[in-house]
PDB file of N, CA and C in Angstrom:
ATOM      1  N   GLN A   1     -13.134  -2.177 -14.030  1.00  0.00           N
ATOM      2  CA  GLN A   1     -12.539  -1.678 -12.854  1.00  0.00           C
ATOM      3  C   GLN A   1     -11.732  -2.850 -12.191  1.00  0.00           C
ATOM      4  N   VAL A   2     -10.551  -2.509 -11.742  1.00  0.00           N
ATOM      5  CA  VAL A   2      -9.657  -3.536 -11.137  1.00  0.00           C
ATOM      6  C   VAL A   2     -10.055  -3.676  -9.675  1.00  0.00           C
ATOM      7  N   HIS A   3     -10.283  -4.925  -9.281  1.00  0.00           N
ATOM      8  CA  HIS A   3     -10.520  -5.190  -7.844  1.00  0.00           C
ATOM      9  C   HIS A   3      -9.170  -5.643  -7.248  1.00  0.00           C
ATOM     10  N   VAL A   4      -8.977  -5.370  -5.965  1.00  0.00           N
ATOM     11  CA  VAL A   4      -7.705  -5.698  -5.371  1.00  0.00           C
ATOM     12  C   VAL A   4      -7.935  -6.501  -4.105  1.00  0.00           C
ATOM     13  N   VAL A   5      -6.935  -7.274  -3.734  1.00  0.00           N
ATOM     14  CA  VAL A   5      -6.957  -8.084  -2.546  1.00  0.00           C
ATOM     15  C   VAL A   5      -5.613  -7.831  -1.826  1.00  0.00           C
ATOM     16  N   GLU A   6      -5.679  -7.270  -0.596  1.00  0.00           N
ATOM     17  CA  GLU A   6      -4.514  -6.980   0.191  1.00  0.00           C
ATOM     18  C   GLU A   6      -4.241  -8.203   1.138  1.00  0.00           C
ATOM     19  N   SER A   7      -2.960  -8.423   1.386  1.00  0.00           N
ATOM     20  CA  SER A   7      -2.536  -9.449   2.367  1.00  0.00           C
ATOM     21  C   SER A   7      -1.198  -9.134   2.882  1.00  0.00           C
ATOM     22  N   GLY A   8      -0.714  -9.873   3.867  1.00  0.00           N
ATOM     23  CA  GLY A   8       0.646  -9.744   4.318  1.00  0.00           C
ATOM     24  C   GLY A   8       0.869  -8.847   5.524  1.00  0.00           C
ATOM     25  N   GLY A   9      -0.241  -8.350   6.089  1.00  0.00           N
ATOM     26  CA  GLY A   9      -0.043  -7.616   7.338  1.00  0.00           C
ATOM     27  C   GLY A   9       0.236  -8.549   8.505  1.00  0.00           C
ATOM     28  N   GLY A  10       0.330  -7.980   9.667  1.00  0.00           N
ATOM     29  CA  GLY A  10       0.589  -8.812  10.843  1.00  0.00           C
ATOM     30  C   GLY A  10       1.016  -8.021  11.997  1.00  0.00           C
ATOM     31  N   LEU A  11       1.551  -8.714  12.972  1.00  0.00           N
ATOM     32  CA  LEU A  11       2.102  -8.107  14.250  1.00  0.00           C
ATOM     33  C   LEU A  11       3.597  -8.165  14.185  1.00  0.00           C
ATOM     34  N   VAL A  12       4.265  -7.020  14.475  1.00  0.00           N
ATOM     35  CA  VAL A  12       5.695  -6.929  14.439  1.00  0.00           C
ATOM     36  C   VAL A  12       6.208  -5.974  15.535  1.00  0.00           C
ATOM     37  N   GLN A  13       7.339  -6.205  16.027  1.00  0.00           N
ATOM     38  CA  GLN A  13       7.953  -5.278  17.010  1.00  0.00           C
ATOM     39  C   GLN A  13       8.468  -4.023  16.307  1.00  0.00           C
ATOM     40  N   ALA A  14       8.490  -2.960  17.122  1.00  0.00           N
ATOM     41  CA  ALA A  14       9.108  -1.713  16.618  1.00  0.00           C
ATOM     42  C   ALA A  14      10.488  -1.988  16.058  1.00  0.00           C
ATOM     43  N   GLY A  15      10.812  -1.424  14.894  1.00  0.00           N
ATOM     44  CA  GLY A  15      12.044  -1.614  14.247  1.00  0.00           C
ATOM     45  C   GLY A  15      12.076  -2.742  13.253  1.00  0.00           C
ATOM     46  N   GLY A  16      11.009  -3.551  13.264  1.00  0.00           N
ATOM     47  CA  GLY A  16      10.915  -4.660  12.318  1.00  0.00           C
ATOM     48  C   GLY A  16      10.364  -4.265  10.992  1.00  0.00           C
ATOM     49  N   SER A  17      10.122  -5.298  10.126  1.00  0.00           N
ATOM     50  CA  SER A  17       9.685  -5.106   8.759  1.00  0.00           C
ATOM     51  C   SER A  17       8.494  -5.970   8.412  1.00  0.00           C
ATOM     52  N   LEU A  18       7.734  -5.502   7.442  1.00  0.00           N
ATOM     53  CA  LEU A  18       6.647  -6.303   6.864  1.00  0.00           C
ATOM     54  C   LEU A  18       6.545  -5.947   5.390  1.00  0.00           C
ATOM     55  N   ARG A  19       5.996  -6.816   4.596  1.00  0.00           N
ATOM     56  CA  ARG A  19       5.787  -6.551   3.185  1.00  0.00           C
ATOM     57  C   ARG A  19       4.372  -6.911   2.735  1.00  0.00           C
ATOM     58  N   PRO A  20       3.443  -6.043   2.976  1.00  0.00           N
ATOM     59  CA  PRO A  20       2.062  -6.335   2.415  1.00  0.00           C
ATOM     60  C   PRO A  20       2.051  -6.412   0.926  1.00  0.00           C
ATOM     61  N   SER A  21       1.105  -7.194   0.392  1.00  0.00           N
ATOM     62  CA  SER A  21       0.891  -7.400  -1.006  1.00  0.00           C
ATOM     63  C   SER A  21      -0.475  -6.911  -1.457  1.00  0.00           C
ATOM     64  N   CYS A  22      -0.534  -6.474  -2.725  1.00  0.00           N
ATOM     65  CA  CYS A  22      -1.809  -6.020  -3.280  1.00  0.00           C
ATOM     66  C   CYS A  22      -1.932  -6.737  -4.635  1.00  0.00           C
ATOM     67  N   ALA A  23      -2.864  -7.708  -4.687  1.00  0.00           N
ATOM     68  CA  ALA A  23      -3.006  -8.480  -5.878  1.00  0.00           C
ATOM     69  C   ALA A  23      -4.249  -8.015  -6.686  1.00  0.00           C
ATOM     70  N   ALA A  24      -4.091  -7.885  -8.007  1.00  0.00           N
ATOM     71  CA  ALA A  24      -5.235  -7.590  -8.804  1.00  0.00           C
ATOM     72  C   ALA A  24      -6.121  -8.807  -8.975  1.00  0.00           C
ATOM     73  N   SER A  25      -7.431  -8.541  -8.988  1.00  0.00           N
ATOM     74  CA  SER A  25      -8.377  -9.592  -9.118  1.00  0.00           C
ATOM     75  C   SER A  25      -9.361  -9.268 -10.243  1.00  0.00           C
ATOM     76  N   GLY A  26      -9.562 -10.246 -11.143  1.00  0.00           N
ATOM     77  CA  GLY A  26     -10.532 -10.052 -12.194  1.00  0.00           C
ATOM     78  C   GLY A  26      -9.920  -9.428 -13.456  1.00  0.00           C
ATOM     79  N   ARG A  27      -9.005  -8.549 -13.297  1.00  0.00           N
ATOM     80  CA  ARG A  27      -8.305  -7.885 -14.374  1.00  0.00           C
ATOM     81  C   ARG A  27      -6.882  -7.612 -13.932  1.00  0.00           C
ATOM     82  N   THR A  28      -6.008  -7.376 -14.895  1.00  0.00           N
ATOM     83  CA  THR A  28      -4.640  -6.961 -14.533  1.00  0.00           C
ATOM     84  C   THR A  28      -4.552  -5.486 -14.220  1.00  0.00           C
ATOM     85  N   PHE A  29      -3.486  -5.090 -13.538  1.00  0.00           N
ATOM     86  CA  PHE A  29      -3.292  -3.654 -13.348  1.00  0.00           C
ATOM     87  C   PHE A  29      -3.050  -2.932 -14.613  1.00  0.00           C
ATOM     88  N   GLY A  30      -2.458  -3.638 -15.587  1.00  0.00           N
ATOM     89  CA  GLY A  30      -2.161  -3.006 -16.890  1.00  0.00           C
ATOM     90  C   GLY A  30      -1.357  -1.761 -16.741  1.00  0.00           C
ATOM     91  N   SER A  31      -1.788  -0.644 -17.305  1.00  0.00           N
ATOM     92  CA  SER A  31      -1.045   0.559 -17.246  1.00  0.00           C
ATOM     93  C   SER A  31      -1.511   1.489 -16.049  1.00  0.00           C
ATOM     94  N   SER A  32      -2.322   0.923 -15.190  1.00  0.00           N
ATOM     95  CA  SER A  32      -2.814   1.697 -14.068  1.00  0.00           C
ATOM     96  C   SER A  32      -1.716   1.955 -12.999  1.00  0.00           C
ATOM     97  N   ALA A  33      -1.740   3.177 -12.446  1.00  0.00           N
ATOM     98  CA  ALA A  33      -0.929   3.465 -11.286  1.00  0.00           C
ATOM     99  C   ALA A  33      -1.644   2.889 -10.096  1.00  0.00           C
ATOM    100  N   VAL A  34      -0.925   2.477  -9.066  1.00  0.00           N
ATOM    101  CA  VAL A  34      -1.416   1.847  -7.873  1.00  0.00           C
ATOM    102  C   VAL A  34      -0.874   2.563  -6.616  1.00  0.00           C
ATOM    103  N   GLY A  35      -1.713   2.767  -5.690  1.00  0.00           N
ATOM    104  CA  GLY A  35      -1.257   3.444  -4.460  1.00  0.00           C
ATOM    105  C   GLY A  35      -1.643   2.655  -3.203  1.00  0.00           C
ATOM    106  N   TRP A  36      -0.815   2.873  -2.188  1.00  0.00           N
ATOM    107  CA  TRP A  36      -1.094   2.351  -0.858  1.00  0.00           C
ATOM    108  C   TRP A  36      -1.516   3.499   0.119  1.00  0.00           C
ATOM    109  N   PHE A  37      -2.511   3.112   0.874  1.00  0.00           N
ATOM    110  CA  PHE A  37      -3.060   4.061   1.840  1.00  0.00           C
ATOM    111  C   PHE A  37      -3.174   3.279   3.220  1.00  0.00           C
ATOM    112  N   ARG A  38      -3.382   4.052   4.289  1.00  0.00           N
ATOM    113  CA  ARG A  38      -3.664   3.380   5.536  1.00  0.00           C
ATOM    114  C   ARG A  38      -4.701   4.210   6.335  1.00  0.00           C
ATOM    115  N   GLN A  39      -5.327   3.581   7.278  1.00  0.00           N
ATOM    116  CA  GLN A  39      -6.360   4.212   8.020  1.00  0.00           C
ATOM    117  C   GLN A  39      -6.414   3.641   9.472  1.00  0.00           C
ATOM    118  N   THR A  40      -6.550   4.544  10.425  1.00  0.00           N
ATOM    119  CA  THR A  40      -6.779   4.172  11.854  1.00  0.00           C
ATOM    120  C   THR A  40      -8.203   4.612  12.188  1.00  0.00           C
ATOM    121  N   PRO A  41      -8.756   3.997  13.200  1.00  0.00           N
ATOM    122  CA  PRO A  41     -10.163   4.338  13.605  1.00  0.00           C
ATOM    123  C   PRO A  41     -10.282   5.808  13.913  1.00  0.00           C
ATOM    124  N   GLY A  42     -11.344   6.406  13.351  1.00  0.00           N
ATOM    125  CA  GLY A  42     -11.619   7.828  13.593  1.00  0.00           C
ATOM    126  C   GLY A  42     -10.854   8.775  12.778  1.00  0.00           C
ATOM    127  N   LYS A  43      -9.964   8.293  11.906  1.00  0.00           N
ATOM    128  CA  LYS A  43      -9.130   9.202  11.076  1.00  0.00           C
ATOM    129  C   LYS A  43      -9.412   8.937   9.609  1.00  0.00           C
ATOM    130  N   GLU A  44      -9.076   9.929   8.783  1.00  0.00           N
ATOM    131  CA  GLU A  44      -9.279   9.728   7.347  1.00  0.00           C
ATOM    132  C   GLU A  44      -8.132   8.799   6.832  1.00  0.00           C
ATOM    133  N   ARG A  45      -8.438   8.243   5.624  1.00  0.00           N
ATOM    134  CA  ARG A  45      -7.563   7.394   5.018  1.00  0.00           C
ATOM    135  C   ARG A  45      -6.350   8.255   4.514  1.00  0.00           C
ATOM    136  N   GLU A  46      -5.126   7.764   4.774  1.00  0.00           N
ATOM    137  CA  GLU A  46      -3.937   8.517   4.523  1.00  0.00           C
ATOM    138  C   GLU A  46      -3.101   7.925   3.397  1.00  0.00           C
ATOM    139  N   PHE A  47      -2.741   8.758   2.432  1.00  0.00           N
ATOM    140  CA  PHE A  47      -1.897   8.285   1.324  1.00  0.00           C
ATOM    141  C   PHE A  47      -0.501   7.981   1.819  1.00  0.00           C
ATOM    142  N   LEU A  48       0.138   6.924   1.268  1.00  0.00           N
ATOM    143  CA  LEU A  48       1.502   6.588   1.626  1.00  0.00           C
ATOM    144  C   LEU A  48       2.451   6.530   0.438  1.00  0.00           C
ATOM    145  N   ALA A  49       2.072   5.819  -0.603  1.00  0.00           N
ATOM    146  CA  ALA A  49       3.007   5.644  -1.697  1.00  0.00           C
ATOM    147  C   ALA A  49       2.313   5.257  -2.973  1.00  0.00           C
ATOM    148  N   ALA A  50       2.866   5.553  -4.145  1.00  0.00           N
ATOM    149  CA  ALA A  50       2.280   5.218  -5.405  1.00  0.00           C
ATOM    150  C   ALA A  50       3.387   4.772  -6.353  1.00  0.00           C
ATOM    151  N   ILE A  51       2.916   3.957  -7.350  1.00  0.00           N
ATOM    152  CA  ILE A  51       3.831   3.486  -8.389  1.00  0.00           C
ATOM    153  C   ILE A  51       3.069   3.505  -9.734  1.00  0.00           C
ATOM    154  N   ASN A  52       3.762   4.047 -10.776  1.00  0.00           N
ATOM    155  CA  ASN A  52       3.028   4.066 -12.102  1.00  0.00           C
ATOM    156  C   ASN A  52       3.479   2.904 -12.953  1.00  0.00           C
ATOM    157  N   TRP A  53       3.031   2.815 -14.188  1.00  0.00           N
ATOM    158  CA  TRP A  53       3.177   1.696 -15.029  1.00  0.00           C
ATOM    159  C   TRP A  53       4.694   1.579 -15.411  1.00  0.00           C
ATOM    160  N   ALA A  54       5.401   2.706 -15.373  1.00  0.00           N
ATOM    161  CA  ALA A  54       6.824   2.747 -15.795  1.00  0.00           C
ATOM    162  C   ALA A  54       7.735   2.446 -14.596  1.00  0.00           C
ATOM    163  N   GLY A  55       7.168   2.291 -13.431  1.00  0.00           N
ATOM    164  CA  GLY A  55       7.967   2.040 -12.215  1.00  0.00           C
ATOM    165  C   GLY A  55       8.357   3.310 -11.470  1.00  0.00           C
ATOM    166  N   GLY A  56       7.807   4.426 -11.926  1.00  0.00           N
ATOM    167  CA  GLY A  56       7.996   5.720 -11.193  1.00  0.00           C
ATOM    168  C   GLY A  56       7.307   5.623  -9.871  1.00  0.00           C
ATOM    169  N   THR A  57       7.889   6.286  -8.822  1.00  0.00           N
ATOM    170  CA  THR A  57       7.275   6.185  -7.516  1.00  0.00           C
ATOM    171  C   THR A  57       7.107   7.544  -6.876  1.00  0.00           C
ATOM    172  N   PHE A  58       6.260   7.573  -5.864  1.00  0.00           N
ATOM    173  CA  PHE A  58       6.012   8.888  -5.126  1.00  0.00           C
ATOM    174  C   PHE A  58       5.649   8.446  -3.673  1.00  0.00           C
ATOM    175  N   TYR A  59       6.209   9.153  -2.735  1.00  0.00           N
ATOM    176  CA  TYR A  59       5.951   8.833  -1.342  1.00  0.00           C
ATOM    177  C   TYR A  59       5.543  10.093  -0.514  1.00  0.00           C
ATOM    178  N   THR A  60       4.686   9.867   0.498  1.00  0.00           N
ATOM    179  CA  THR A  60       4.448  10.920   1.397  1.00  0.00           C
ATOM    180  C   THR A  60       5.684  11.005   2.308  1.00  0.00           C
ATOM    181  N   ASN A  61       5.906  12.219   2.857  1.00  0.00           N
ATOM    182  CA  ASN A  61       7.191  12.454   3.634  1.00  0.00           C
ATOM    183  C   ASN A  61       7.288  11.530   4.834  1.00  0.00           C
ATOM    184  N   SER A  62       6.182  11.193   5.492  1.00  0.00           N
ATOM    185  CA  SER A  62       6.336  10.374   6.729  1.00  0.00           C
ATOM    186  C   SER A  62       6.841   8.991   6.540  1.00  0.00           C
ATOM    187  N   VAL A  63       6.830   8.480   5.307  1.00  0.00           N
ATOM    188  CA  VAL A  63       7.319   7.102   5.047  1.00  0.00           C
ATOM    189  C   VAL A  63       8.523   7.097   4.115  1.00  0.00           C
ATOM    190  N   LYS A  64       8.854   8.265   3.590  1.00  0.00           N
ATOM    191  CA  LYS A  64      10.025   8.318   2.656  1.00  0.00           C
ATOM    192  C   LYS A  64      11.317   7.788   3.374  1.00  0.00           C
ATOM    193  N   GLY A  65      12.006   6.877   2.728  1.00  0.00           N
ATOM    194  CA  GLY A  65      13.232   6.307   3.290  1.00  0.00           C
ATOM    195  C   GLY A  65      12.970   5.064   4.112  1.00  0.00           C
ATOM    196  N   ARG A  66      11.759   4.802   4.528  1.00  0.00           N
ATOM    197  CA  ARG A  66      11.424   3.629   5.304  1.00  0.00           C
ATOM    198  C   ARG A  66      10.538   2.616   4.538  1.00  0.00           C
ATOM    199  N   PHE A  67       9.671   3.110   3.665  1.00  0.00           N
ATOM    200  CA  PHE A  67       8.787   2.232   2.861  1.00  0.00           C
ATOM    201  C   PHE A  67       9.214   2.305   1.397  1.00  0.00           C
ATOM    202  N   THR A  68       9.097   1.167   0.724  1.00  0.00           N
ATOM    203  CA  THR A  68       9.397   1.052  -0.726  1.00  0.00           C
ATOM    204  C   THR A  68       8.294   0.324  -1.422  1.00  0.00           C
ATOM    205  N   ILE A  69       7.748   1.000  -2.444  1.00  0.00           N
ATOM    206  CA  ILE A  69       6.652   0.394  -3.283  1.00  0.00           C
ATOM    207  C   ILE A  69       7.293  -0.236  -4.468  1.00  0.00           C
ATOM    208  N   SER A  70       6.760  -1.403  -4.902  1.00  0.00           N
ATOM    209  CA  SER A  70       7.272  -2.014  -6.108  1.00  0.00           C
ATOM    210  C   SER A  70       6.150  -2.808  -6.736  1.00  0.00           C
ATOM    211  N   ARG A  71       6.326  -3.180  -8.011  1.00  0.00           N
ATOM    212  CA  ARG A  71       5.230  -3.983  -8.656  1.00  0.00           C
ATOM    213  C   ARG A  71       5.889  -5.081  -9.478  1.00  0.00           C
ATOM    214  N   ASP A  72       5.183  -6.208  -9.551  1.00  0.00           N
ATOM    215  CA  ASP A  72       5.535  -7.362 -10.362  1.00  0.00           C
ATOM    216  C   ASP A  72       4.383  -7.531 -11.328  1.00  0.00           C
ATOM    217  N   ASP A  73       4.531  -7.138 -12.549  1.00  0.00           N
ATOM    218  CA  ASP A  73       3.426  -7.167 -13.472  1.00  0.00           C
ATOM    219  C   ASP A  73       3.135  -8.662 -13.960  1.00  0.00           C
ATOM    220  N   PHE A  74       4.113  -9.462 -13.789  1.00  0.00           N
ATOM    221  CA  PHE A  74       3.899 -10.950 -14.185  1.00  0.00           C
ATOM    222  C   PHE A  74       2.931 -11.572 -13.127  1.00  0.00           C
ATOM    223  N   LYS A  75       3.066 -11.067 -11.892  1.00  0.00           N
ATOM    224  CA  LYS A  75       2.168 -11.649 -10.863  1.00  0.00           C
ATOM    225  C   LYS A  75       0.976 -10.724 -10.555  1.00  0.00           C
ATOM    226  N   ASN A  76       0.895  -9.631 -11.304  1.00  0.00           N
ATOM    227  CA  ASN A  76      -0.190  -8.653 -11.117  1.00  0.00           C
ATOM    228  C   ASN A  76      -0.321  -8.261  -9.636  1.00  0.00           C
ATOM    229  N   THR A  77       0.861  -7.961  -9.068  1.00  0.00           N
ATOM    230  CA  THR A  77       0.914  -7.687  -7.640  1.00  0.00           C
ATOM    231  C   THR A  77       1.791  -6.437  -7.368  1.00  0.00           C
ATOM    232  N   VAL A  78       1.299  -5.640  -6.397  1.00  0.00           N
ATOM    233  CA  VAL A  78       2.129  -4.466  -5.969  1.00  0.00           C
ATOM    234  C   VAL A  78       2.475  -4.738  -4.484  1.00  0.00           C
ATOM    235  N   TYR A  79       3.677  -4.423  -4.124  1.00  0.00           N
ATOM    236  CA  TYR A  79       4.161  -4.654  -2.783  1.00  0.00           C
ATOM    237  C   TYR A  79       4.489  -3.320  -2.067  1.00  0.00           C
ATOM    238  N   LEU A  80       4.421  -3.408  -0.758  1.00  0.00           N
ATOM    239  CA  LEU A  80       4.863  -2.210   0.039  1.00  0.00           C
ATOM    240  C   LEU A  80       5.888  -2.759   1.114  1.00  0.00           C
ATOM    241  N   GLN A  81       7.149  -2.639   0.824  1.00  0.00           N
ATOM    242  CA  GLN A  81       8.133  -3.054   1.819  1.00  0.00           C
ATOM    243  C   GLN A  81       8.233  -1.996   2.878  1.00  0.00           C
ATOM    244  N   MET A  82       8.011  -2.392   4.124  1.00  0.00           N
ATOM    245  CA  MET A  82       7.951  -1.457   5.267  1.00  0.00           C
ATOM    246  C   MET A  82       9.083  -1.835   6.233  1.00  0.00           C
ATOM    247  N   ASP A  83      10.061  -0.976   6.412  1.00  0.00           N
ATOM    248  CA  ASP A  83      11.175  -1.190   7.301  1.00  0.00           C
ATOM    249  C   ASP A  83      11.174  -0.143   8.418  1.00  0.00           C
ATOM    250  N   SER A  84      11.854  -0.426   9.470  1.00  0.00           N
ATOM    251  CA  SER A  84      11.995   0.473  10.601  1.00  0.00           C
ATOM    252  C   SER A  84      10.620   0.914  11.091  1.00  0.00           C
ATOM    253  N   LEU A  85       9.751  -0.096  11.262  1.00  0.00           N
ATOM    254  CA  LEU A  85       8.378   0.214  11.633  1.00  0.00           C
ATOM    255  C   LEU A  85       8.269   0.791  13.038  1.00  0.00           C
ATOM    256  N   LYS A  86       7.298   1.685  13.220  1.00  0.00           N
ATOM    257  CA  LYS A  86       7.086   2.364  14.502  1.00  0.00           C
ATOM    258  C   LYS A  86       5.643   2.067  14.940  1.00  0.00           C
ATOM    259  N   PRO A  87       5.391   2.177  16.243  1.00  0.00           N
ATOM    260  CA  PRO A  87       4.021   1.984  16.700  1.00  0.00           C
ATOM    261  C   PRO A  87       2.990   2.867  16.001  1.00  0.00           C
ATOM    262  N   ASP A  88       3.404   4.045  15.618  1.00  0.00           N
ATOM    263  CA  ASP A  88       2.490   4.951  14.865  1.00  0.00           C
ATOM    264  C   ASP A  88       2.115   4.437  13.465  1.00  0.00           C
ATOM    265  N   ASP A  89       2.813   3.422  13.011  1.00  0.00           N
ATOM    266  CA  ASP A  89       2.507   2.797  11.728  1.00  0.00           C
ATOM    267  C   ASP A  89       1.350   1.823  11.859  1.00  0.00           C
ATOM    268  N   THR A  90       0.906   1.545  13.015  1.00  0.00           N
ATOM    269  CA  THR A  90      -0.249   0.656  13.309  1.00  0.00           C
ATOM    270  C   THR A  90      -1.481   1.163  12.592  1.00  0.00           C
ATOM    271  N   ALA A  91      -2.065   0.351  11.716  1.00  0.00           N
ATOM    272  CA  ALA A  91      -3.222   0.818  10.909  1.00  0.00           C
ATOM    273  C   ALA A  91      -3.684  -0.300  10.067  1.00  0.00           C
ATOM    274  N   ALA A  92      -4.811  -0.133   9.446  1.00  0.00           N
ATOM    275  CA  ALA A  92      -5.292  -0.985   8.330  1.00  0.00           C
ATOM    276  C   ALA A  92      -4.717  -0.415   7.025  1.00  0.00           C
ATOM    277  N   TYR A  93      -4.078  -1.282   6.278  1.00  0.00           N
ATOM    278  CA  TYR A  93      -3.431  -0.814   5.061  1.00  0.00           C
ATOM    279  C   TYR A  93      -4.289  -1.294   3.826  1.00  0.00           C
ATOM    280  N   TYR A  94      -4.462  -0.351   2.928  1.00  0.00           N
ATOM    281  CA  TYR A  94      -5.246  -0.580   1.709  1.00  0.00           C
ATOM    282  C   TYR A  94      -4.514  -0.187   0.447  1.00  0.00           C
ATOM    283  N   CYS A  95      -4.880  -0.861  -0.652  1.00  0.00           N
ATOM    284  CA  CYS A  95      -4.305  -0.422  -1.948  1.00  0.00           C
ATOM    285  C   CYS A  95      -5.473  -0.182  -2.879  1.00  0.00           C
ATOM    286  N   THR A  96      -5.192   0.531  -3.929  1.00  0.00           N
ATOM    287  CA  THR A  96      -6.191   0.847  -4.962  1.00  0.00           C
ATOM    288  C   THR A  96      -5.524   1.368  -6.184  1.00  0.00           C
ATOM    289  N   THR A  97      -6.171   1.318  -7.340  1.00  0.00           N
ATOM    290  CA  THR A  97      -5.659   1.962  -8.507  1.00  0.00           C
ATOM    291  C   THR A  97      -5.948   3.477  -8.354  1.00  0.00           C
ATOM    292  N   LEU A  98      -5.162   4.269  -9.012  1.00  0.00           N
ATOM    293  CA  LEU A  98      -5.252   5.737  -8.908  1.00  0.00           C
ATOM    294  C   LEU A  98      -5.970   6.301 -10.114  1.00  0.00           C
ATOM    295  N   ALA A  99      -6.832   7.229  -9.842  1.00  0.00           N
ATOM    296  CA  ALA A  99      -7.556   8.017 -10.880  1.00  0.00           C
ATOM    297  C   ALA A  99      -6.691   9.134 -11.407  1.00  0.00           C
ATOM    298  N   LYS A 100      -5.806   9.619 -10.519  1.00  0.00           N
ATOM    299  CA  LYS A 100      -5.012  10.773 -10.943  1.00  0.00           C
ATOM    300  C   LYS A 100      -3.703  10.657 -10.074  1.00  0.00           C
ATOM    301  N   TRP A 101      -2.554  10.779 -10.780  1.00  0.00           N
ATOM    302  CA  TRP A 101      -1.222  10.721 -10.145  1.00  0.00           C
ATOM    303  C   TRP A 101      -1.048  11.977  -9.323  1.00  0.00           C
ATOM    304  N   PRO A 102      -0.458  11.857  -8.082  1.00  0.00           N
ATOM    305  CA  PRO A 102       0.091  10.595  -7.542  1.00  0.00           C
ATOM    306  C   PRO A 102      -0.786   9.971  -6.456  1.00  0.00           C
ATOM    307  N   ASN A 103      -1.889  10.638  -6.049  1.00  0.00           N
ATOM    308  CA  ASN A 103      -2.551  10.108  -4.834  1.00  0.00           C
ATOM    309  C   ASN A 103      -4.038  10.231  -4.829  1.00  0.00           C
ATOM    310  N   THR A 104      -4.712  10.315  -6.046  1.00  0.00           N
ATOM    311  CA  THR A 104      -6.130  10.355  -6.056  1.00  0.00           C
ATOM    312  C   THR A 104      -6.636   8.949  -6.399  1.00  0.00           C
ATOM    313  N   PRO A 105      -7.343   8.305  -5.393  1.00  0.00           N
ATOM    314  CA  PRO A 105      -7.728   6.921  -5.582  1.00  0.00           C
ATOM    315  C   PRO A 105      -9.026   6.843  -6.455  1.00  0.00           C
ATOM    316  N   THR A 106      -9.166   5.660  -7.132  1.00  0.00           N
ATOM    317  CA  THR A 106     -10.396   5.403  -7.903  1.00  0.00           C
ATOM    318  C   THR A 106     -11.536   5.107  -6.916  1.00  0.00           C
ATOM    319  N   GLY A 107     -11.217   4.659  -5.720  1.00  0.00           N
ATOM    320  CA  GLY A 107     -12.227   4.261  -4.798  1.00  0.00           C
ATOM    321  C   GLY A 107     -12.599   2.837  -4.762  1.00  0.00           C
ATOM    322  N   SER A 108     -11.909   2.036  -5.616  1.00  0.00           N
ATOM    323  CA  SER A 108     -12.095   0.615  -5.611  1.00  0.00           C
ATOM    324  C   SER A 108     -11.142  -0.060  -4.568  1.00  0.00           C
ATOM    325  N   TRP A 109     -11.640  -0.211  -3.328  1.00  0.00           N
ATOM    326  CA  TRP A 109     -10.808  -0.632  -2.244  1.00  0.00           C
ATOM    327  C   TRP A 109     -10.990  -2.154  -1.999  1.00  0.00           C
ATOM    328  N   GLY A 110      -9.937  -2.765  -1.442  1.00  0.00           N
ATOM    329  CA  GLY A 110      -9.995  -4.110  -0.976  1.00  0.00           C
ATOM    330  C   GLY A 110     -10.471  -4.131   0.499  1.00  0.00           C
ATOM    331  N   GLN A 111     -10.323  -5.232   1.099  1.00  0.00           N
ATOM    332  CA  GLN A 111     -10.709  -5.378   2.532  1.00  0.00           C
ATOM    333  C   GLN A 111      -9.672  -4.889   3.458  1.00  0.00           C
ATOM    334  N   GLY A 112      -8.456  -4.625   2.966  1.00  0.00           N
ATOM    335  CA  GLY A 112      -7.362  -4.143   3.787  1.00  0.00           C
ATOM    336  C   GLY A 112      -6.643  -5.234   4.496  1.00  0.00           C
ATOM    337  N   THR A 113      -5.467  -4.924   5.046  1.00  0.00           N
ATOM    338  CA  THR A 113      -4.672  -5.869   5.824  1.00  0.00           C
ATOM    339  C   THR A 113      -4.198  -5.115   7.033  1.00  0.00           C
ATOM    340  N   GLN A 114      -4.329  -5.677   8.254  1.00  0.00           N
ATOM    341  CA  GLN A 114      -4.011  -5.017   9.437  1.00  0.00           C
ATOM    342  C   GLN A 114      -2.494  -5.148   9.728  1.00  0.00           C
ATOM    343  N   VAL A 115      -1.892  -3.990  10.067  1.00  0.00           N
ATOM    344  CA  VAL A 115      -0.493  -4.008  10.592  1.00  0.00           C
ATOM    345  C   VAL A 115      -0.498  -3.440  11.970  1.00  0.00           C
ATOM    346  N   THR A 116       0.120  -4.189  12.887  1.00  0.00           N
ATOM    347  CA  THR A 116       0.184  -3.770  14.296  1.00  0.00           C
ATOM    348  C   THR A 116       1.666  -3.788  14.703  1.00  0.00           C
ATOM    349  N   VAL A 117       2.159  -2.626  15.166  1.00  0.00           N
ATOM    350  CA  VAL A 117       3.555  -2.529  15.595  1.00  0.00           C
ATOM    351  C   VAL A 117       3.569  -2.310  17.098  1.00  0.00           C
ATOM    352  N   SER A 118       4.209  -3.223  17.766  1.00  0.00           N
ATOM    353  CA  SER A 118       4.248  -3.160  19.240  1.00  0.00           C
ATOM    354  C   SER A 118       5.554  -2.444  19.634  1.00  0.00           C
ATOM    355  N   SER A 119       5.472  -1.744  20.797  1.00  0.00           N
ATOM    356  CA  SER A 119       6.642  -1.010  21.260  1.00  0.00           C
ATOM    357  C   SER A 119       7.516  -1.890  22.128  1.00  0.00           C
TER     358      SER A 119
END
């Protein structure tokens, strides 16, 4: 099972950008698809974006056109470029490998990285 480590969150003003990273630990991502999710207190974890081994991508409607997922297999890292951020994007962001395309997680989560967008 691939373990992941998220990083790159932070505090940004509305309209700004961040690019969290998801690094594989212990094993490479290999041919696994990887997804980004987010969660706010009291709510279920929400799917955002996924990328497969061939570079194919899938996005939930709320982030389509603002977020871009990419992967660097040499660095065993998946990125989530987030532009035009809104206060509603404030959440803890998590990545995981996918059990089923495009948004079924394996359940192997990292510690997450916090993104806070101020108005």
